[in-house]
């Protein structure tokens, strides 16, 4: 099994933890990762953009001028697309659905590939715990400095914020620039790959492994 050093909040090595080969030690499958990123990016599209066609705009109940004899081009309505304020031709409608589908096995393979790639690139930092007794942005910044992460784009993965300590951790780091916090282990692959460093606790590592090794998820 692959192993990784465990640090404390002072940046000192205190332990090592074994990582499941099925999650952190596979050959990254680039096509699966590409497919999942497409799905994730499609899911965040709102599809609320909408335009009005000639039946939706106001005005134009009659011909603007008679058909012949004016010397001008014939017009049937000022709601026509060529008129200023007229309808839009083939514009987007608000009922557009951008959702894409992906098989569960492909999604799981893509996430495993992402975690394995991050481990190969030494982008995963594991700490023994992040038990902040009280919310403190100052203490959080000190921890980042100790871990040499103050200039990195960090994604902090928390298994939950049910306990007071983990909630305090979330409150301490949520307003810091270049720090993103994911509340559960089901983190989006797009977020994983955008970060330059991934910060997890040993508990979060187990949560990630449990989620990706469970064949029913």
Protein backbone atom coordinates (compact mmCIF):
# COMPACT_ATOMS: atom_id res chain seq x y z
CA UNK A 1 0.00 0.00 0.00
CA UNK A 2 1.10 3.56 -0.63
CA UNK A 3 2.04 5.62 2.41
CA UNK A 4 2.16 9.32 3.13
CA UNK A 5 3.59 11.36 5.97
CA UNK A 6 1.26 12.82 8.58
CA UNK A 7 2.13 16.27 9.89
CA UNK A 8 0.92 18.26 12.85
CA UNK A 9 -0.19 21.88 12.71
CA UNK A 10 3.43 22.90 13.34
CA UNK A 11 4.55 21.21 10.13
CA UNK A 12 6.43 18.41 11.91
CA UNK A 13 6.13 14.77 10.88
CA UNK A 14 4.37 12.80 13.58
CA UNK A 15 3.20 9.64 11.81
CA UNK A 16 2.61 7.90 8.49
CA UNK A 17 -0.64 6.60 7.13
CA UNK A 18 -1.29 3.84 4.63
CA UNK A 19 -3.39 4.71 1.60
CA UNK A 20 -5.59 2.26 -0.25
CA UNK A 21 -4.03 1.28 -3.56
CA UNK A 22 -7.48 1.08 -5.16
CA UNK A 23 -7.93 4.82 -4.61
CA UNK A 24 -4.49 6.43 -4.43
CA UNK A 25 -2.27 4.14 -6.46
CA UNK A 26 -3.84 3.48 -9.85
CA UNK A 27 -2.82 4.61 -13.31
CA UNK A 28 -4.84 7.80 -13.94
CA UNK A 29 -7.50 7.28 -16.60
CA UNK A 30 -7.45 10.52 -18.54
CA UNK A 31 -10.61 9.88 -20.57
CA UNK A 32 -12.69 9.13 -17.47
CA UNK A 33 -11.39 12.29 -15.81
CA UNK A 34 -12.22 14.33 -18.91
CA UNK A 35 -15.76 12.91 -19.05
CA UNK A 36 -16.43 13.65 -15.38
CA UNK A 37 -15.18 17.22 -15.65
CA UNK A 38 -17.54 17.79 -18.57
CA UNK A 39 -20.43 16.48 -16.45
CA UNK A 40 -19.48 18.62 -13.44
CA UNK A 41 -19.15 21.77 -15.54
CA UNK A 42 -22.51 21.09 -17.17
CA UNK A 43 -24.20 20.65 -13.80
CA UNK A 44 -23.29 24.15 -12.65
CA UNK A 45 -24.80 25.79 -15.75
CA UNK A 46 -28.06 27.42 -14.70
CA UNK A 47 -29.76 27.51 -18.06
CA UNK A 48 -31.70 30.64 -17.07
CA UNK A 49 -30.67 32.70 -20.10
CA UNK A 50 -33.72 33.55 -22.21
CA UNK A 51 -34.63 35.74 -25.15
CA UNK A 52 -37.94 36.92 -26.56
CA UNK A 53 -39.08 35.90 -30.02
CA UNK A 54 -41.46 37.98 -32.14
CA UNK A 55 -44.50 36.57 -30.35
CA UNK A 56 -43.16 37.69 -26.95
CA UNK A 57 -42.22 41.32 -27.60
CA UNK A 58 -44.80 44.08 -27.31
CA UNK A 59 -46.24 46.24 -30.07
CA UNK A 60 -46.64 45.66 -33.78
CA UNK A 61 -50.30 44.82 -33.94
CA UNK A 62 -50.58 46.20 -37.46
CA UNK A 63 -48.45 46.86 -40.50
CA UNK A 64 -46.21 49.92 -39.96
CA UNK A 65 -47.15 51.19 -43.46
CA UNK A 66 -49.09 49.98 -46.43
CA UNK A 67 -47.71 47.24 -48.62
CA UNK A 68 -47.13 49.30 -51.79
CA UNK A 69 -46.57 52.84 -52.92
CA UNK A 70 -44.27 54.15 -50.20
CA UNK A 71 -40.94 53.37 -51.86
CA UNK A 72 -39.82 51.53 -48.74
CA UNK A 73 -39.36 47.84 -48.15
CA UNK A 74 -42.52 45.99 -47.22
CA UNK A 75 -42.95 45.33 -43.51
CA UNK A 76 -45.54 43.26 -41.71
CA UNK A 77 -44.78 44.10 -38.07
CA UNK A 78 -42.34 46.07 -35.96
CA UNK A 79 -41.91 42.88 -33.92
CA UNK A 80 -39.91 41.34 -36.75
CA UNK A 81 -36.23 40.55 -35.98
CA UNK A 82 -34.86 43.26 -38.28
CA UNK A 83 -36.51 45.99 -36.20
CA UNK A 84 -34.90 47.52 -33.15
CA UNK A 85 -36.79 46.06 -30.19
CA UNK A 86 -38.06 43.21 -32.32
CA UNK A 87 -37.91 39.51 -31.53
CA UNK A 88 -34.73 37.42 -31.52
CA UNK A 89 -34.30 34.61 -34.03
CA UNK A 90 -33.31 31.21 -32.60
CA UNK A 91 -32.25 32.74 -29.27
CA UNK A 92 -31.74 30.66 -26.09
CA UNK A 93 -34.78 29.76 -24.02
CA UNK A 94 -34.99 29.31 -20.25
CA UNK A 95 -35.97 25.64 -20.48
CA UNK A 96 -32.50 24.61 -21.65
CA UNK A 97 -31.12 21.63 -19.70
CA UNK A 98 -27.36 21.13 -19.88
CA UNK A 99 -27.19 18.07 -17.62
CA UNK A 100 -25.02 15.20 -18.85
CA UNK A 101 -25.01 11.62 -17.66
CA UNK A 102 -22.08 9.48 -16.59
CA UNK A 103 -21.95 5.90 -15.38
CA UNK A 104 -21.23 5.38 -11.70
CA UNK A 105 -18.23 3.18 -12.42
CA UNK A 106 -16.74 5.78 -14.76
CA UNK A 107 -17.29 8.51 -12.17
CA UNK A 108 -15.63 6.42 -9.47
CA UNK A 109 -12.73 5.61 -11.78
CA UNK A 110 -12.29 9.30 -12.60
CA UNK A 111 -12.19 10.31 -8.92
CA UNK A 112 -9.72 7.54 -8.10
CA UNK A 113 -7.60 8.69 -11.02
CA UNK A 114 -7.69 12.24 -9.73
CA UNK A 115 -6.59 11.27 -6.23
CA UNK A 116 -3.83 9.02 -7.63
CA UNK A 117 -2.56 11.81 -9.87
CA UNK A 118 -2.51 14.27 -6.97
CA UNK A 119 -0.53 11.81 -4.86
CA UNK A 120 1.97 11.25 -7.69
CA UNK A 121 2.42 15.01 -7.98
CA UNK A 122 2.94 15.39 -4.18
CA UNK A 123 -0.02 17.69 -3.85
CA UNK A 124 -1.67 15.92 -0.90
CA UNK A 125 -0.91 17.13 2.63
CA UNK A 126 -2.21 15.08 5.56
CA UNK A 127 -2.38 16.44 9.10
CA UNK A 128 -3.17 14.52 12.26
CA UNK A 129 -6.04 16.80 13.24
CA UNK A 130 -7.45 20.29 12.78
CA UNK A 131 -9.17 20.68 16.11
CA UNK A 132 -9.59 24.41 16.57
CA UNK A 133 -11.02 25.06 20.01
CA UNK A 134 -12.42 28.42 18.90
CA UNK A 135 -12.77 30.03 15.45
CA UNK A 136 -9.53 31.85 14.71
CA UNK A 137 -8.44 33.04 11.29
CA UNK A 138 -5.10 34.07 12.79
CA UNK A 139 -4.37 30.55 14.03
CA UNK A 140 -5.43 29.12 10.68
CA UNK A 141 -2.98 31.39 8.87
CA UNK A 142 -0.23 30.37 11.28
CA UNK A 143 -0.97 26.73 10.51
CA UNK A 144 -0.77 27.42 6.77
CA UNK A 145 2.60 29.12 7.26
CA UNK A 146 3.90 26.17 9.27
CA UNK A 147 2.81 23.81 6.50
CA UNK A 148 4.30 26.14 3.84
CA UNK A 149 0.89 26.59 2.24
CA UNK A 150 0.39 30.33 2.65
CA UNK A 151 1.11 30.96 -1.05
CA UNK A 152 -0.69 27.90 -2.38
CA UNK A 153 -4.21 27.48 -3.71
CA UNK A 154 -5.44 25.06 -1.04
CA UNK A 155 -8.49 22.84 -1.00
CA UNK A 156 -9.33 21.74 2.53
CA UNK A 157 -11.43 18.57 2.66
CA UNK A 158 -13.43 18.06 5.86
CA UNK A 159 -15.50 14.87 6.33
CA UNK A 160 -18.19 16.92 8.08
CA UNK A 161 -18.71 19.91 10.39
CA UNK A 162 -20.81 18.06 12.94
CA UNK A 163 -18.33 18.46 15.80
CA UNK A 164 -17.49 21.83 17.34
CA UNK A 165 -13.81 21.48 16.44
CA UNK A 166 -14.46 20.86 12.76
CA UNK A 167 -17.03 23.63 12.67
CA UNK A 168 -14.43 25.96 14.18
CA UNK A 169 -11.96 24.85 11.50
CA UNK A 170 -14.46 25.74 8.81
CA UNK A 171 -15.19 29.13 10.38
CA UNK A 172 -11.47 29.84 10.76
CA UNK A 173 -10.54 29.22 7.14
CA UNK A 174 -13.57 30.17 5.07
CA UNK A 175 -12.61 33.85 4.61
CA UNK A 176 -8.96 33.32 3.73
CA UNK A 177 -7.96 34.10 0.17
CA UNK A 178 -7.02 31.08 -1.97
CA UNK A 179 -8.56 28.67 0.55
CA UNK A 180 -11.50 26.52 -0.54
CA UNK A 181 -13.27 24.19 1.87
CA UNK A 182 -15.18 21.07 0.91
CA UNK A 183 -17.50 19.88 3.66
CA UNK A 184 -17.61 16.21 2.68
CA UNK A 185 -15.37 13.68 0.97
CA UNK A 186 -17.49 13.70 -2.22
CA UNK A 187 -15.45 16.52 -3.65
CA UNK A 188 -15.78 17.44 -7.31
CA UNK A 189 -12.90 16.37 -9.52
CA UNK A 190 -12.77 19.84 -11.06
CA UNK A 191 -12.09 21.33 -7.62
CA UNK A 192 -9.40 18.75 -6.89
CA UNK A 193 -7.46 19.44 -10.05
CA UNK A 194 -7.70 23.23 -9.76
CA UNK A 195 -6.04 23.29 -6.34
CA UNK A 196 -2.26 23.28 -6.02
CA UNK A 197 -2.43 21.53 -2.64
CA UNK A 198 -5.06 19.31 -0.98
CA UNK A 199 -5.20 19.43 2.81
CA UNK A 200 -6.84 16.54 4.64
CA UNK A 201 -6.95 14.95 8.05
CA UNK A 202 -6.51 11.21 8.61
CA UNK A 203 -10.25 11.04 9.19
CA UNK A 204 -10.90 12.67 5.83
CA UNK A 205 -8.57 10.18 4.12
CA UNK A 206 -10.63 7.29 5.52
CA UNK A 207 -13.83 8.99 4.42
CA UNK A 208 -12.52 9.39 0.85
CA UNK A 209 -11.46 5.74 0.72
CA UNK A 210 -14.76 4.53 2.11
CA UNK A 211 -16.75 6.52 -0.42
CA UNK A 212 -14.76 5.38 -3.46
CA UNK A 213 -14.29 1.74 -2.44
CA UNK A 214 -18.00 1.20 -1.76
CA UNK A 215 -19.32 -0.36 -4.98
CA UNK A 216 -22.87 0.82 -4.25
CA UNK A 217 -22.02 4.52 -4.43
